[in-house]
Amino acid sequence: MLLRAKNYGKIAAGKALKKSFSADLPGGASASGKYVIALIDAGEDVVEADEADNVAVFGPLP
């Protein structure tokens, strides 16, 4: 279930961007056992030698 999508704009080559993120679950839903997944450059707008490093996964949540 997608809770929220956010576009943070472009990041310069060789730079990092740290952002916080929050979302509300639908009524009665629990975050326990779920994962947070971030997809960077989802539209593949940036040409890269390695596209495999554009996903970050955290979880399962306690």
PDB file of N, CA and C in Angstrom:
ATOM      1  N   MET A   1       0.844  -1.159   0.000  1.00  0.00           N
ATOM      2  CA  MET A   1       0.000   0.000   0.000  1.00  0.00           C
ATOM      3  C   MET A   1       0.898   1.234   0.000  1.00  0.00           C
ATOM      4  N   LEU A   2       0.713   2.089  -0.948  1.00  0.00           N
ATOM      5  CA  LEU A   2       1.466   3.337  -1.022  1.00  0.00           C
ATOM      6  C   LEU A   2       0.804   4.348  -0.103  1.00  0.00           C
ATOM      7  N   LEU A   3       1.571   4.825   0.871  1.00  0.00           N
ATOM      8  CA  LEU A   3       1.031   5.811   1.806  1.00  0.00           C
ATOM      9  C   LEU A   3       1.309   7.234   1.363  1.00  0.00           C
ATOM     10  N   ARG A   4       2.445   7.419   0.698  1.00  0.00           N
ATOM     11  CA  ARG A   4       2.802   8.780   0.311  1.00  0.00           C
ATOM     12  C   ARG A   4       3.937   8.743  -0.702  1.00  0.00           C
ATOM     13  N   ALA A   5       3.886   9.633  -1.666  1.00  0.00           N
ATOM     14  CA  ALA A   5       4.972   9.808  -2.626  1.00  0.00           C
ATOM     15  C   ALA A   5       5.440  11.252  -2.514  1.00  0.00           C
ATOM     16  N   LYS A   6       6.732  11.478  -2.617  1.00  0.00           N
ATOM     17  CA  LYS A   6       7.281  12.821  -2.457  1.00  0.00           C
ATOM     18  C   LYS A   6       8.420  13.020  -3.441  1.00  0.00           C
ATOM     19  N   ASN A   7       8.416  14.156  -4.131  1.00  0.00           N
ATOM     20  CA  ASN A   7       9.490  14.510  -5.049  1.00  0.00           C
ATOM     21  C   ASN A   7      10.324  15.604  -4.385  1.00  0.00           C
ATOM     22  N   TYR A   8      11.602  15.331  -4.202  1.00  0.00           N
ATOM     23  CA  TYR A   8      12.495  16.301  -3.560  1.00  0.00           C
ATOM     24  C   TYR A   8      13.349  17.060  -4.563  1.00  0.00           C
ATOM     25  N   GLY A   9      13.098  16.916  -5.841  1.00  0.00           N
ATOM     26  CA  GLY A   9      13.866  17.627  -6.849  1.00  0.00           C
ATOM     27  C   GLY A   9      15.189  16.963  -7.145  1.00  0.00           C
ATOM     28  N   LYS A  10      16.039  17.683  -7.838  1.00  0.00           N
ATOM     29  CA  LYS A  10      17.315  17.125  -8.273  1.00  0.00           C
ATOM     30  C   LYS A  10      18.379  17.223  -7.186  1.00  0.00           C
ATOM     31  N   ILE A  11      19.296  16.264  -7.215  1.00  0.00           N
ATOM     32  CA  ILE A  11      20.457  16.246  -6.323  1.00  0.00           C
ATOM     33  C   ILE A  11      21.690  16.294  -7.203  1.00  0.00           C
ATOM     34  N   ALA A  12      22.601  17.179  -6.923  1.00  0.00           N
ATOM     35  CA  ALA A  12      23.815  17.316  -7.729  1.00  0.00           C
ATOM     36  C   ALA A  12      24.657  16.045  -7.646  1.00  0.00           C
ATOM     37  N   ALA A  13      25.349  15.742  -8.720  1.00  0.00           N
ATOM     38  CA  ALA A  13      26.221  14.562  -8.772  1.00  0.00           C
ATOM     39  C   ALA A  13      27.222  14.592  -7.630  1.00  0.00           C
ATOM     40  N   GLY A  14      27.375  13.461  -6.955  1.00  0.00           N
ATOM     41  CA  GLY A  14      28.329  13.343  -5.859  1.00  0.00           C
ATOM     42  C   GLY A  14      27.839  13.914  -4.540  1.00  0.00           C
ATOM     43  N   LYS A  15      26.631  14.433  -4.504  1.00  0.00           N
ATOM     44  CA  LYS A  15      26.071  15.034  -3.295  1.00  0.00           C
ATOM     45  C   LYS A  15      25.064  14.091  -2.641  1.00  0.00           C
ATOM     46  N   ALA A  16      24.748  14.362  -1.393  1.00  0.00           N
ATOM     47  CA  ALA A  16      23.761  13.577  -0.652  1.00  0.00           C
ATOM     48  C   ALA A  16      22.638  14.490  -0.198  1.00  0.00           C
ATOM     49  N   LEU A  17      21.495  13.902   0.058  1.00  0.00           N
ATOM     50  CA  LEU A  17      20.346  14.648   0.542  1.00  0.00           C
ATOM     51  C   LEU A  17      19.700  13.829   1.644  1.00  0.00           C
ATOM     52  N   LYS A  18      19.541  14.426   2.815  1.00  0.00           N
ATOM     53  CA  LYS A  18      18.920  13.740   3.942  1.00  0.00           C
ATOM     54  C   LYS A  18      17.573  14.391   4.197  1.00  0.00           C
ATOM     55  N   LYS A  19      16.520  13.590   4.203  1.00  0.00           N
ATOM     56  CA  LYS A  19      15.170  14.093   4.416  1.00  0.00           C
ATOM     57  C   LYS A  19      14.460  13.212   5.426  1.00  0.00           C
ATOM     58  N   SER A  20      13.541  13.787   6.165  1.00  0.00           N
ATOM     59  CA  SER A  20      12.687  12.994   7.043  1.00  0.00           C
ATOM     60  C   SER A  20      11.346  12.806   6.336  1.00  0.00           C
ATOM     61  N   PHE A  21      10.605  11.823   6.786  1.00  0.00           N
ATOM     62  CA  PHE A  21       9.380  11.453   6.105  1.00  0.00           C
ATOM     63  C   PHE A  21       8.391  10.902   7.124  1.00  0.00           C
ATOM     64  N   SER A  22       7.150  11.266   7.012  1.00  0.00           N
ATOM     65  CA  SER A  22       6.120  10.688   7.878  1.00  0.00           C
ATOM     66  C   SER A  22       4.857  10.474   7.054  1.00  0.00           C
ATOM     67  N   ALA A  23       4.074   9.504   7.487  1.00  0.00           N
ATOM     68  CA  ALA A  23       2.807   9.214   6.818  1.00  0.00           C
ATOM     69  C   ALA A  23       1.863   8.599   7.836  1.00  0.00           C
ATOM     70  N   ASP A  24       0.586   8.821   7.655  1.00  0.00           N
ATOM     71  CA  ASP A  24      -0.428   8.242   8.531  1.00  0.00           C
ATOM     72  C   ASP A  24      -0.983   6.975   7.899  1.00  0.00           C
ATOM     73  N   LEU A  25      -1.146   5.943   8.720  1.00  0.00           N
ATOM     74  CA  LEU A  25      -1.756   4.707   8.258  1.00  0.00           C
ATOM     75  C   LEU A  25      -3.270   4.851   8.270  1.00  0.00           C
ATOM     76  N   PRO A  26      -3.940   4.130   7.386  1.00  0.00           N
ATOM     77  CA  PRO A  26      -5.403   4.146   7.423  1.00  0.00           C
ATOM     78  C   PRO A  26      -5.903   3.639   8.776  1.00  0.00           C
ATOM     79  N   GLY A  27      -7.068   4.077   9.203  1.00  0.00           N
ATOM     80  CA  GLY A  27      -7.631   3.680  10.489  1.00  0.00           C
ATOM     81  C   GLY A  27      -7.600   2.180  10.716  1.00  0.00           C
ATOM     82  N   GLY A  28      -7.110   1.768  11.873  1.00  0.00           N
ATOM     83  CA  GLY A  28      -7.058   0.366  12.239  1.00  0.00           C
ATOM     84  C   GLY A  28      -5.860  -0.395  11.706  1.00  0.00           C
ATOM     85  N   ALA A  29      -5.066   0.211  10.826  1.00  0.00           N
ATOM     86  CA  ALA A  29      -3.895  -0.471  10.253  1.00  0.00           C
ATOM     87  C   ALA A  29      -2.712  -0.367  11.209  1.00  0.00           C
ATOM     88  N   SER A  30      -1.878  -1.388  11.202  1.00  0.00           N
ATOM     89  CA  SER A  30      -0.678  -1.416  12.038  1.00  0.00           C
ATOM     90  C   SER A  30       0.563  -1.381  11.157  1.00  0.00           C
ATOM     91  N   ALA A  31       1.595  -0.667  11.596  1.00  0.00           N
ATOM     92  CA  ALA A  31       2.857  -0.624  10.859  1.00  0.00           C
ATOM     93  C   ALA A  31       3.726  -1.841  11.161  1.00  0.00           C
ATOM     94  N   SER A  32       3.378  -2.585  12.191  1.00  0.00           N
ATOM     95  CA  SER A  32       4.167  -3.735  12.608  1.00  0.00           C
ATOM     96  C   SER A  32       4.325  -4.736  11.459  1.00  0.00           C
ATOM     97  N   GLY A  33       5.569  -5.105  11.182  1.00  0.00           N
ATOM     98  CA  GLY A  33       5.857  -6.078  10.137  1.00  0.00           C
ATOM     99  C   GLY A  33       5.943  -5.498   8.742  1.00  0.00           C
ATOM    100  N   LYS A  34       5.668  -4.214   8.600  1.00  0.00           N
ATOM    101  CA  LYS A  34       5.704  -3.575   7.282  1.00  0.00           C
ATOM    102  C   LYS A  34       7.103  -3.021   6.989  1.00  0.00           C
ATOM    103  N   TYR A  35       7.321  -2.605   5.760  1.00  0.00           N
ATOM    104  CA  TYR A  35       8.602  -2.067   5.313  1.00  0.00           C
ATOM    105  C   TYR A  35       8.424  -0.642   4.811  1.00  0.00           C
ATOM    106  N   VAL A  36       9.480   0.154   4.927  1.00  0.00           N
ATOM    107  CA  VAL A  36       9.547   1.472   4.310  1.00  0.00           C
ATOM    108  C   VAL A  36      10.500   1.335   3.131  1.00  0.00           C
ATOM    109  N   ILE A  37      10.044   1.706   1.954  1.00  0.00           N
ATOM    110  CA  ILE A  37      10.852   1.569   0.743  1.00  0.00           C
ATOM    111  C   ILE A  37      10.955   2.939   0.077  1.00  0.00           C
ATOM    112  N   ALA A  38      12.169   3.361  -0.210  1.00  0.00           N
ATOM    113  CA  ALA A  38      12.401   4.620  -0.921  1.00  0.00           C
ATOM    114  C   ALA A  38      12.976   4.292  -2.296  1.00  0.00           C
ATOM    115  N   LEU A  39      12.379   4.848  -3.320  1.00  0.00           N
ATOM    116  CA  LEU A  39      12.841   4.666  -4.691  1.00  0.00           C
ATOM    117  C   LEU A  39      13.366   6.006  -5.183  1.00  0.00           C
ATOM    118  N   ILE A  40      14.636   6.030  -5.496  1.00  0.00           N
ATOM    119  CA  ILE A  40      15.289   7.258  -5.938  1.00  0.00           C
ATOM    120  C   ILE A  40      15.375   7.239  -7.460  1.00  0.00           C
ATOM    121  N   ASP A  41      15.085   8.354  -8.098  1.00  0.00           N
ATOM    122  CA  ASP A  41      15.081   8.476  -9.552  1.00  0.00           C
ATOM    123  C   ASP A  41      14.112   7.468 -10.174  1.00  0.00           C
ATOM    124  N   ALA A  42      12.884   7.460  -9.671  1.00  0.00           N
ATOM    125  CA  ALA A  42      11.874   6.500 -10.131  1.00  0.00           C
ATOM    126  C   ALA A  42      11.612   6.600 -11.630  1.00  0.00           C
ATOM    127  N   GLY A  43      11.730   7.789 -12.183  1.00  0.00           N
ATOM    128  CA  GLY A  43      11.511   7.980 -13.615  1.00  0.00           C
ATOM    129  C   GLY A  43      12.737   7.717 -14.461  1.00  0.00           C
ATOM    130  N   GLU A  44      13.822   7.303 -13.815  1.00  0.00           N
ATOM    131  CA  GLU A  44      15.103   7.055 -14.485  1.00  0.00           C
ATOM    132  C   GLU A  44      15.510   8.248 -15.356  1.00  0.00           C
ATOM    133  N   ASP A  45      15.380   9.442 -14.787  1.00  0.00           N
ATOM    134  CA  ASP A  45      15.742  10.669 -15.490  1.00  0.00           C
ATOM    135  C   ASP A  45      17.252  10.893 -15.532  1.00  0.00           C
ATOM    136  N   VAL A  46      17.965  10.330 -14.548  1.00  0.00           N
ATOM    137  CA  VAL A  46      19.409  10.503 -14.461  1.00  0.00           C
ATOM    138  C   VAL A  46      20.095   9.278 -15.053  1.00  0.00           C
ATOM    139  N   VAL A  47      20.959   9.501 -16.030  1.00  0.00           N
ATOM    140  CA  VAL A  47      21.716   8.398 -16.633  1.00  0.00           C
ATOM    141  C   VAL A  47      22.814   8.013 -15.663  1.00  0.00           C
ATOM    142  N   GLU A  48      22.849   6.725 -15.299  1.00  0.00           N
ATOM    143  CA  GLU A  48      23.823   6.233 -14.330  1.00  0.00           C
ATOM    144  C   GLU A  48      24.428   4.932 -14.814  1.00  0.00           C
ATOM    145  N   ALA A  49      25.644   4.667 -14.375  1.00  0.00           N
ATOM    146  CA  ALA A  49      26.289   3.392 -14.684  1.00  0.00           C
ATOM    147  C   ALA A  49      25.643   2.260 -13.898  1.00  0.00           C
ATOM    148  N   ASP A  50      25.145   2.565 -12.687  1.00  0.00           N
ATOM    149  CA  ASP A  50      24.536   1.549 -11.826  1.00  0.00           C
ATOM    150  C   ASP A  50      23.177   2.024 -11.348  1.00  0.00           C
ATOM    151  N   GLU A  51      22.111   1.562 -11.970  1.00  0.00           N
ATOM    152  CA  GLU A  51      20.750   1.925 -11.566  1.00  0.00           C
ATOM    153  C   GLU A  51      20.284   1.092 -10.376  1.00  0.00           C
ATOM    154  N   ALA A  52      21.033   0.045 -10.006  1.00  0.00           N
ATOM    155  CA  ALA A  52      20.617  -0.876  -8.947  1.00  0.00           C
ATOM    156  C   ALA A  52      20.726  -0.272  -7.550  1.00  0.00           C
ATOM    157  N   ASP A  53      21.411   0.864  -7.411  1.00  0.00           N
ATOM    158  CA  ASP A  53      21.587   1.461  -6.078  1.00  0.00           C
ATOM    159  C   ASP A  53      20.568   2.562  -5.790  1.00  0.00           C
ATOM    160  N   ASN A  54      19.451   2.536  -6.478  1.00  0.00           N
ATOM    161  CA  ASN A  54      18.438   3.589  -6.326  1.00  0.00           C
ATOM    162  C   ASN A  54      17.263   3.182  -5.442  1.00  0.00           C
ATOM    163  N   VAL A  55      17.423   2.132  -4.656  1.00  0.00           N
ATOM    164  CA  VAL A  55      16.366   1.676  -3.763  1.00  0.00           C
ATOM    165  C   VAL A  55      16.929   1.527  -2.351  1.00  0.00           C
ATOM    166  N   ALA A  56      16.180   2.040  -1.378  1.00  0.00           N
ATOM    167  CA  ALA A  56      16.545   1.874   0.033  1.00  0.00           C
ATOM    168  C   ALA A  56      15.360   1.223   0.740  1.00  0.00           C
ATOM    169  N   VAL A  57      15.635   0.162   1.511  1.00  0.00           N
ATOM    170  CA  VAL A  57      14.585  -0.580   2.206  1.00  0.00           C
ATOM    171  C   VAL A  57      14.896  -0.612   3.698  1.00  0.00           C
ATOM    172  N   PHE A  58      13.893  -0.326   4.519  1.00  0.00           N
ATOM    173  CA  PHE A  58      14.030  -0.399   5.956  1.00  0.00           C
ATOM    174  C   PHE A  58      12.878  -1.231   6.507  1.00  0.00           C
ATOM    175  N   GLY A  59      13.198  -2.227   7.316  1.00  0.00           N
ATOM    176  CA  GLY A  59      12.147  -3.027   7.935  1.00  0.00           C
ATOM    177  C   GLY A  59      12.564  -4.471   8.075  1.00  0.00           C
ATOM    178  N   PRO A  60      11.684  -5.282   8.596  1.00  0.00           N
ATOM    179  CA  PRO A  60      10.316  -4.943   8.955  1.00  0.00           C
ATOM    180  C   PRO A  60      10.264  -4.070  10.215  1.00  0.00           C
ATOM    181  N   LEU A  61       9.226  -3.242  10.286  1.00  0.00           N
ATOM    182  CA  LEU A  61       9.033  -2.378  11.446  1.00  0.00           C
ATOM    183  C   LEU A  61       8.588  -3.210  12.650  1.00  0.00           C
ATOM    184  N   PRO A  62       9.014  -2.817  13.836  1.00  0.00           N
ATOM    185  CA  PRO A  62       8.636  -3.585  15.020  1.00  0.00           C
ATOM    186  C   PRO A  62       7.151  -3.462  15.351  1.00  0.00           C
TER     187      PRO A  62
END
